[in-house]
Structures are given as C-alpha cells and as structure tokens.
Amino acid sequence: MGQHSILFVNTLLDGRSRWKSILNEPDFDVVYATQLDLSVRGLALNNIHLVLVEGSGVAAADIELCTRLRDLVQAPLLLLSDNVSEDFILAAYNAGIDEFVPGQYSAALVKAVLRAWFRWLQREPELLLSYQFEPFNVKHMQE
C-alpha cells in the first residue's frame, strides 16, 4: 500500500486503463472517480493527499468541477488540460486549482509533477510549525 493517496477525477471512463498504467506506482494509492461519482458516491476525501483532474475539453464543465472539488477537498488540486487559453487558465486558478499542466503531457511529466508536490507536502508541515511557534525567526525583507 502506498504512502501518497491521490484522487484522480476525469469525465471519461474509457481513459481509466491508460491512467491506471501511468499511476501504477508502489507509493501511490489512487482512487478513480468521475464527476458523476462525486455526486453519487460518498467518497472518503479526508485522507486524500492530492487531487489530479483530467480536463474534459469543455471549459465551463472543467471550471465547475474544479470549484466543486475545492469545496470538498483541501489537498492540492492539479488540472491537466489541452485548453491553454489564458482566460481558461485564470478561471481554473480562480476556481481553486494549485497547478495547471497544459497541453500534451507525458506519463513522465505527470509523475514528476506529482512527486514534486509530494516532496513539498512532506516539507510543508515543518515550515508551518516553524512559522506558528517561532514567528520571531521569520525574517521580513528589508529594503
């Protein structure tokens, strides 16, 4: 069983076999869901470390999905999409995504992005504790 839990959300059931082979890593526990699953099934989302969304190609639907996911999960939210218009990307960030991976992405790129986020998540609690309990150690920039 892996140490990193990922919620993978896409709109197409037929794309799952490709993603299952891409995300088949010993340290990844992946829950696969569609937009419909989020409405119908009671998914246990409190133990998710990262949410990976594959865009549908329909801008309004992708933005609505990201907004719903952000309301459900506090984990980092990554969006993979072929839609690279600036308006769409800005709307996605405003909907709550934390990273946008544009265009034709390879399996190697997706894994590298996921591993980078997991490295950051492992360091992040220490940074928060340092700031919360030792604020006098935080140096502000001086001009």
Protein backbone atom coordinates (compact mmCIF):
# COMPACT_ATOMS: atom_id res chain seq x y z
CA MET A 1 0.00 0.00 0.00
CA GLY A 2 1.36 3.41 -0.98
CA GLN A 3 2.13 6.40 1.16
CA HIS A 4 0.57 9.03 -1.15
CA SER A 5 -3.17 8.99 -1.74
CA ILE A 6 -4.38 10.56 -4.98
CA LEU A 7 -7.93 11.25 -6.08
CA PHE A 8 -7.95 11.07 -9.88
CA VAL A 9 -11.04 12.61 -11.48
CA ASN A 10 -11.92 12.52 -15.15
CA THR A 11 -15.08 12.50 -17.22
CA LEU A 12 -14.29 9.54 -19.44
CA LEU A 13 -14.44 6.00 -18.12
CA ASP A 14 -12.58 4.70 -21.17
CA GLY A 15 -9.44 6.66 -20.26
CA ARG A 16 -9.01 4.95 -16.91
CA SER A 17 -6.98 2.00 -18.15
CA ARG A 18 -4.35 4.39 -19.54
CA TRP A 19 -4.21 6.30 -16.27
CA LYS A 20 -4.10 3.12 -14.19
CA SER A 21 -0.91 2.12 -16.00
CA ILE A 22 0.57 5.63 -15.65
CA LEU A 23 -0.22 5.93 -11.94
CA ASN A 24 0.73 2.34 -11.11
CA GLU A 25 3.50 3.21 -8.65
CA PRO A 26 4.21 1.37 -5.38
CA ASP A 27 3.92 4.57 -3.33
CA PHE A 28 0.67 5.81 -4.94
CA ASP A 29 -2.79 4.85 -3.67
CA VAL A 30 -5.18 6.08 -6.33
CA VAL A 31 -8.95 6.48 -6.05
CA TYR A 32 -10.51 6.82 -9.51
CA ALA A 33 -13.70 8.85 -9.85
CA THR A 34 -15.79 10.62 -12.45
CA GLN A 35 -17.69 13.84 -11.94
CA LEU A 36 -20.82 11.73 -11.51
CA ASP A 37 -19.11 9.64 -8.80
CA LEU A 38 -18.55 12.79 -6.77
CA SER A 39 -22.30 13.39 -6.70
CA VAL A 40 -23.50 9.82 -6.29
CA ARG A 41 -20.89 8.08 -4.16
CA GLY A 42 -19.87 9.14 -0.70
CA LEU A 43 -16.13 9.23 -1.35
CA ALA A 44 -13.86 9.35 1.69
CA LEU A 45 -11.96 12.51 0.79
CA ASN A 46 -10.44 13.42 4.14
CA ASN A 47 -7.34 11.23 3.63
CA ILE A 48 -6.56 12.41 0.10
CA HIS A 49 -3.11 13.98 -0.27
CA LEU A 50 -3.56 15.33 -3.81
CA VAL A 51 -6.31 15.67 -6.42
CA LEU A 52 -5.47 15.18 -10.09
CA VAL A 53 -8.13 16.26 -12.60
CA GLU A 54 -8.03 15.43 -16.29
CA GLY A 55 -9.91 18.15 -18.14
CA SER A 56 -12.83 17.21 -20.37
CA GLY A 57 -12.21 19.79 -23.06
CA VAL A 58 -15.36 21.67 -22.06
CA ALA A 59 -14.15 24.78 -20.27
CA ALA A 60 -17.28 25.55 -18.23
CA ALA A 61 -17.59 21.93 -17.05
CA ASP A 62 -13.92 21.78 -16.04
CA ILE A 63 -14.15 25.03 -14.07
CA GLU A 64 -17.33 23.85 -12.33
CA LEU A 65 -15.68 20.54 -11.45
CA CYS A 66 -12.61 22.27 -10.00
CA THR A 67 -14.83 24.59 -7.95
CA ARG A 68 -16.77 21.60 -6.55
CA LEU A 69 -13.57 19.71 -5.76
CA ARG A 70 -12.05 22.70 -3.99
CA ASP A 71 -15.14 22.88 -1.79
CA LEU A 72 -14.78 19.16 -0.96
CA VAL A 73 -11.02 18.75 -0.51
CA GLN A 74 -8.25 20.86 0.97
CA ALA A 75 -5.48 18.86 -0.74
CA PRO A 76 -3.54 20.37 -3.66
CA LEU A 77 -5.61 20.35 -6.84
CA LEU A 78 -3.84 19.82 -10.18
CA LEU A 79 -5.57 20.24 -13.53
CA LEU A 80 -4.37 18.59 -16.75
CA SER A 81 -5.92 20.21 -19.82
CA ASP A 82 -5.42 20.79 -23.52
CA ASN A 83 -7.18 24.15 -23.16
CA VAL A 84 -4.29 26.59 -22.89
CA SER A 85 -6.18 29.86 -23.31
CA GLU A 86 -5.19 32.39 -20.69
CA ASP A 87 -8.83 33.08 -19.79
CA PHE A 88 -9.42 29.39 -19.07
CA ILE A 89 -6.23 29.02 -17.02
CA LEU A 90 -7.04 32.13 -14.95
CA ALA A 91 -10.58 30.85 -14.38
CA ALA A 92 -9.16 27.50 -13.25
CA TYR A 93 -6.85 29.18 -10.73
CA ASN A 94 -9.77 31.31 -9.53
CA ALA A 95 -11.76 28.08 -9.12
CA GLY A 96 -9.12 26.82 -6.70
CA ILE A 97 -6.55 24.79 -8.60
CA ASP A 98 -2.97 24.86 -7.35
CA GLU A 99 -1.21 23.88 -10.56
CA PHE A 100 -2.06 23.72 -14.24
CA VAL A 101 -0.33 21.19 -16.52
CA PRO A 102 -1.01 22.26 -20.13
CA GLY A 103 -1.18 20.52 -23.46
CA GLN A 104 0.04 17.07 -24.34
CA TYR A 105 1.55 15.79 -21.11
CA SER A 106 3.60 12.61 -20.95
CA ALA A 107 3.42 9.99 -18.22
CA ALA A 108 6.92 11.04 -17.12
CA LEU A 109 5.85 14.69 -16.76
CA VAL A 110 2.74 13.81 -14.75
CA LYS A 111 4.77 11.59 -12.38
CA ALA A 112 7.44 14.30 -11.99
CA VAL A 113 4.82 16.91 -11.10
CA LEU A 114 3.16 14.55 -8.59
CA ARG A 115 6.48 13.68 -6.94
CA ALA A 116 7.40 17.38 -6.71
CA TRP A 117 4.12 18.09 -4.92
CA PHE A 118 4.63 15.16 -2.55
CA ARG A 119 8.14 16.43 -1.71
CA TRP A 120 6.67 19.84 -0.98
CA LEU A 121 3.90 18.35 1.15
CA GLN A 122 6.47 16.47 3.24
CA ARG A 123 8.36 19.72 3.96
CA GLU A 124 5.34 21.97 4.35
CA PRO A 125 4.21 20.92 7.88
CA GLU A 126 7.67 21.76 9.25
CA LEU A 127 7.52 25.18 7.64
CA LEU A 128 4.08 25.85 9.12
CA LEU A 129 5.15 24.75 12.60
CA SER A 130 8.24 26.91 12.44
CA TYR A 131 6.16 29.91 11.49
CA GLN A 132 3.37 29.25 14.00
CA PHE A 133 5.54 28.62 17.03
CA GLU A 134 8.62 30.67 16.27
CA PRO A 135 7.40 33.80 14.45
CA PHE A 136 10.40 35.75 15.69
CA ASN A 137 12.57 33.54 13.46
CA VAL A 138 10.79 34.69 10.33
CA LYS A 139 12.83 37.48 8.78
CA HIS A 140 10.96 40.00 6.71
CA MET A 141 12.54 41.53 3.64
CA GLN A 142 14.01 44.93 4.28
CA GLU A 143 14.65 47.44 1.53
